[in-house]
Amino acid sequence: MKTKLSLSARRRKAKAQLDALGNLLEGSLCRVERGNAVRFQLTDKAAGRSRTLYVPAEMAGEVRQWTQNWKQAKRLLRELSELSREEVRAGARDGGRRKPPTPR
């Protein structure tokens, strides 16, 4: 049986997960073969333009983890945003009489 976590407990859990992610890197890691050579490059968009960054082969695994961390961080940020929305809705229901959460 699952117990329902309070809003503040869910927020603390999401923030802790976000803090634990480590390095973050936006973009897609691609493997490119040029003849007999294999290269890795990171591709993303900035100011509406694609940009590419060479990634040394020995860093490819680490960079792949960083891009996965970025995706996880985006999911957690969406979750935190939804928790904030729930808090605003709850405040609106009780006429704004709720105490604001204490900063941690």
Protein backbone atom coordinates (compact mmCIF):
# COMPACT_ATOMS: atom_id res chain seq x y z
CA MET A 1 0.00 0.00 0.00
CA LYS A 2 1.41 3.36 -1.04
CA THR A 3 1.20 6.31 1.29
CA LYS A 4 0.52 9.70 -0.24
CA LEU A 5 3.35 12.15 0.38
CA SER A 6 2.55 15.71 1.36
CA LEU A 7 3.21 18.51 -1.09
CA SER A 8 6.31 19.67 0.78
CA ALA A 9 7.67 16.11 1.05
CA ARG A 10 7.22 15.60 -2.69
CA ARG A 11 8.98 18.92 -3.33
CA ARG A 12 11.92 17.96 -1.06
CA LYS A 13 12.22 14.59 -2.78
CA ALA A 14 12.28 16.14 -6.27
CA LYS A 15 14.84 18.77 -5.21
CA ALA A 16 17.07 16.11 -3.67
CA GLN A 17 16.92 14.08 -6.87
CA LEU A 18 17.79 17.18 -8.88
CA ASP A 19 20.76 17.95 -6.63
CA ALA A 20 22.05 14.37 -6.95
CA LEU A 21 22.17 14.36 -10.76
CA GLY A 22 25.63 15.86 -11.17
CA ASN A 23 26.77 17.36 -14.47
CA LEU A 24 24.11 18.33 -16.99
CA LEU A 25 24.52 18.85 -20.71
CA GLU A 26 21.82 19.72 -23.22
CA GLY A 27 22.05 18.14 -26.64
CA SER A 28 22.23 14.86 -28.51
CA LEU A 29 25.37 12.77 -28.62
CA CYS A 30 25.88 11.30 -32.08
CA ARG A 31 28.36 8.73 -33.36
CA VAL A 32 29.67 9.66 -36.80
CA GLU A 33 31.74 7.35 -38.98
CA ARG A 34 34.15 8.95 -41.42
CA GLY A 35 35.85 6.26 -43.42
CA ASN A 36 37.53 4.02 -40.86
CA ALA A 37 37.42 6.66 -38.13
CA VAL A 38 34.65 7.02 -35.55
CA ARG A 39 33.89 10.44 -34.10
CA PHE A 40 31.44 11.63 -31.51
CA GLN A 41 29.75 15.00 -31.58
CA LEU A 42 27.22 16.79 -29.46
CA THR A 43 24.50 18.67 -31.33
CA ASP A 44 22.07 21.23 -29.94
CA LYS A 45 20.35 24.47 -30.88
CA ALA A 46 21.25 27.96 -29.69
CA ALA A 47 19.49 31.12 -30.86
CA GLY A 48 17.63 29.08 -33.48
CA ARG A 49 20.80 27.70 -35.05
CA SER A 50 22.26 24.21 -34.82
CA ARG A 51 25.69 23.91 -33.33
CA THR A 52 28.02 20.94 -33.07
CA LEU A 53 30.75 20.21 -30.57
CA TYR A 54 33.43 17.55 -31.06
CA VAL A 55 33.54 15.05 -28.18
CA PRO A 56 36.69 12.94 -27.69
CA ALA A 57 35.92 9.21 -27.88
CA GLU A 58 37.20 8.63 -24.34
CA MET A 59 34.61 11.13 -23.02
CA ALA A 60 31.63 9.79 -25.01
CA GLY A 61 30.27 7.62 -22.17
CA GLU A 62 30.55 10.43 -19.67
CA VAL A 63 28.94 12.96 -22.03
CA ARG A 64 26.13 10.49 -22.75
CA GLN A 65 25.42 10.33 -19.01
CA TRP A 66 25.40 14.13 -18.79
CA THR A 67 22.81 14.35 -21.59
CA GLN A 68 20.67 11.74 -19.80
CA ASN A 69 21.01 13.79 -16.59
CA TRP A 70 19.75 16.82 -18.55
CA LYS A 71 16.62 14.94 -19.60
CA GLN A 72 16.03 13.77 -16.02
CA ALA A 73 16.52 17.34 -14.74
CA LYS A 74 13.91 18.64 -17.20
CA ARG A 75 11.45 16.01 -15.96
CA LEU A 76 12.13 16.96 -12.33
CA LEU A 77 11.75 20.69 -13.09
CA ARG A 78 8.38 20.01 -14.71
CA GLU A 79 7.39 18.06 -11.59
CA LEU A 80 8.48 20.93 -9.31
CA SER A 81 6.51 23.36 -11.48
CA GLU A 82 3.40 21.20 -11.14
CA LEU A 83 3.87 21.05 -7.36
CA SER A 84 4.03 24.86 -7.30
CA ARG A 85 0.82 24.98 -9.33
CA GLU A 86 -0.85 22.67 -6.79
CA GLU A 87 0.30 24.98 -4.01
CA VAL A 88 -1.20 28.02 -5.76
CA ARG A 89 -4.47 26.14 -6.32
CA ALA A 90 -4.58 25.13 -2.64
CA GLY A 91 -3.95 28.74 -1.60
CA ALA A 92 -6.73 29.94 -3.86
CA ARG A 93 -9.15 27.40 -2.37
CA ASP A 94 -8.58 28.58 1.19
CA GLY A 95 -8.64 32.29 0.33
CA GLY A 96 -4.86 32.77 0.58
CA ARG A 97 -4.78 32.00 4.30
CA ARG A 98 -2.03 29.40 3.97
CA LYS A 99 1.36 30.16 5.40
CA PRO A 100 4.07 30.29 2.72
CA PRO A 101 6.51 27.35 2.87
CA THR A 102 9.67 27.95 4.86
CA PRO A 103 12.79 28.14 2.66
CA ARG A 104 15.28 25.29 3.04
